[in-house]
Amino acid sequence: MDQAIIKVSSKRQITIPAAIYKKLGIQPGQKLFLEVHGDKLIIWPKTKSYTELLAGSLKDIYGQTKEEIDVYVRKERETWEKTPS
C-alpha cells in the first residue's frame, strides 16, 4: 500500500506526491473523487471511460465455452412463455 504524509495549505489545497501521481496516471486538470469514511478521506481518479472500466466484468457469467453459453441460452428460452400462433 502506498502512503504519504501531505500538508494542507492555507487555501485548503493538498499536493499529491509525484510517485503516487505517476502510479495512478493522473493528468493535470483531471477530476478526482473524494469520499469520507468516518475520519478517513479516500481520493481516487475519476474513470475516463466506463466502457473500459466495465470491459470483461461479465466474462464467464453465462459459461466459459460457446457450448456452455448455448446451453444457458437454450434453457433460458425454454422458460419463456409461448404466445399462441
Protein backbone atom coordinates (compact mmCIF):
# COMPACT_ATOMS: atom_id res chain seq x y z
CA MET A 1 0.00 0.00 0.00
CA ASP A 2 1.39 3.39 -0.96
CA GLN A 3 1.23 6.00 1.76
CA ALA A 4 2.44 9.56 2.09
CA ILE A 5 2.24 12.40 4.55
CA ILE A 6 0.91 15.55 2.94
CA LYS A 7 0.16 19.03 4.23
CA VAL A 8 -2.98 21.10 3.69
CA SER A 9 -2.21 24.65 2.52
CA SER A 10 -3.87 27.78 3.90
CA LYS A 11 -6.16 27.59 0.86
CA ARG A 12 -7.26 24.00 1.84
CA GLN A 13 -5.21 22.52 -1.03
CA ILE A 14 -3.12 19.37 -0.97
CA THR A 15 -0.33 18.21 -3.27
CA ILE A 16 -0.32 14.62 -4.49
CA PRO A 17 3.20 13.17 -4.23
CA ALA A 18 4.80 12.61 -7.65
CA ALA A 19 5.22 8.84 -7.21
CA ILE A 20 1.51 8.37 -6.46
CA TYR A 21 0.51 10.83 -9.19
CA LYS A 22 2.52 8.82 -11.75
CA LYS A 23 1.41 5.42 -10.45
CA LEU A 24 -2.26 6.36 -10.83
CA GLY A 25 -1.71 8.06 -14.19
CA ILE A 26 -3.32 11.28 -13.02
CA GLN A 27 -3.17 14.13 -15.53
CA PRO A 28 -3.36 17.92 -14.97
CA GLY A 29 -6.98 19.04 -14.88
CA GLN A 30 -8.28 15.51 -14.31
CA LYS A 31 -11.15 15.22 -11.83
CA LEU A 32 -10.82 13.06 -8.73
CA PHE A 33 -13.47 11.57 -6.46
CA LEU A 34 -13.26 12.35 -2.74
CA GLU A 35 -15.16 10.24 -0.23
CA VAL A 36 -15.31 10.43 3.56
CA HIS A 37 -15.31 7.18 5.55
CA GLY A 38 -15.58 8.04 9.24
CA ASP A 39 -12.44 10.07 9.91
CA LYS A 40 -10.69 9.00 6.68
CA LEU A 41 -10.59 10.62 3.23
CA ILE A 42 -10.40 8.40 0.17
CA ILE A 43 -9.39 10.00 -3.13
CA TRP A 44 -9.30 8.21 -6.47
CA PRO A 45 -9.17 9.22 -10.14
CA LYS A 46 -12.48 9.58 -11.94
CA THR A 47 -12.81 6.91 -14.60
CA LYS A 48 -12.16 8.27 -18.07
CA SER A 49 -14.17 5.56 -19.81
CA TYR A 50 -16.87 3.48 -18.17
CA THR A 51 -16.68 1.13 -21.16
CA GLU A 52 -13.04 0.37 -20.33
CA LEU A 53 -13.87 0.10 -16.63
CA LEU A 54 -16.59 -2.49 -17.22
CA ALA A 55 -14.98 -4.36 -20.11
CA GLY A 56 -14.63 -8.02 -19.21
CA SER A 57 -16.50 -7.69 -15.91
CA LEU A 58 -19.16 -10.18 -17.02
CA LYS A 59 -16.70 -12.65 -18.51
CA ASP A 60 -17.76 -16.27 -17.97
CA ILE A 61 -21.04 -15.28 -16.31
CA TYR A 62 -23.04 -17.42 -18.75
CA GLY A 63 -20.38 -20.06 -19.28
CA GLN A 64 -16.76 -20.41 -20.27
CA THR A 65 -17.20 -22.02 -23.67
CA LYS A 66 -19.51 -21.43 -26.63
CA GLU A 67 -21.24 -24.71 -25.84
CA GLU A 68 -21.88 -23.76 -22.19
CA ILE A 69 -23.27 -20.40 -23.28
CA ASP A 70 -25.52 -22.09 -25.88
CA VAL A 71 -26.87 -24.44 -23.18
CA TYR A 72 -27.54 -21.48 -20.89
CA VAL A 73 -29.37 -19.54 -23.61
CA ARG A 74 -31.41 -22.60 -24.63
CA LYS A 75 -32.52 -23.19 -21.02
CA GLU A 76 -33.46 -19.54 -20.62
CA ARG A 77 -35.50 -19.61 -23.84
CA GLU A 78 -37.36 -22.69 -22.60
CA THR A 79 -38.66 -20.65 -19.66
CA TRP A 80 -40.18 -18.00 -21.92
CA GLU A 81 -43.96 -18.05 -22.22
CA LYS A 82 -45.15 -19.29 -25.56
CA THR A 83 -47.58 -16.98 -27.34
CA PRO A 84 -50.38 -18.62 -29.31
CA SER A 85 -49.82 -18.59 -33.05
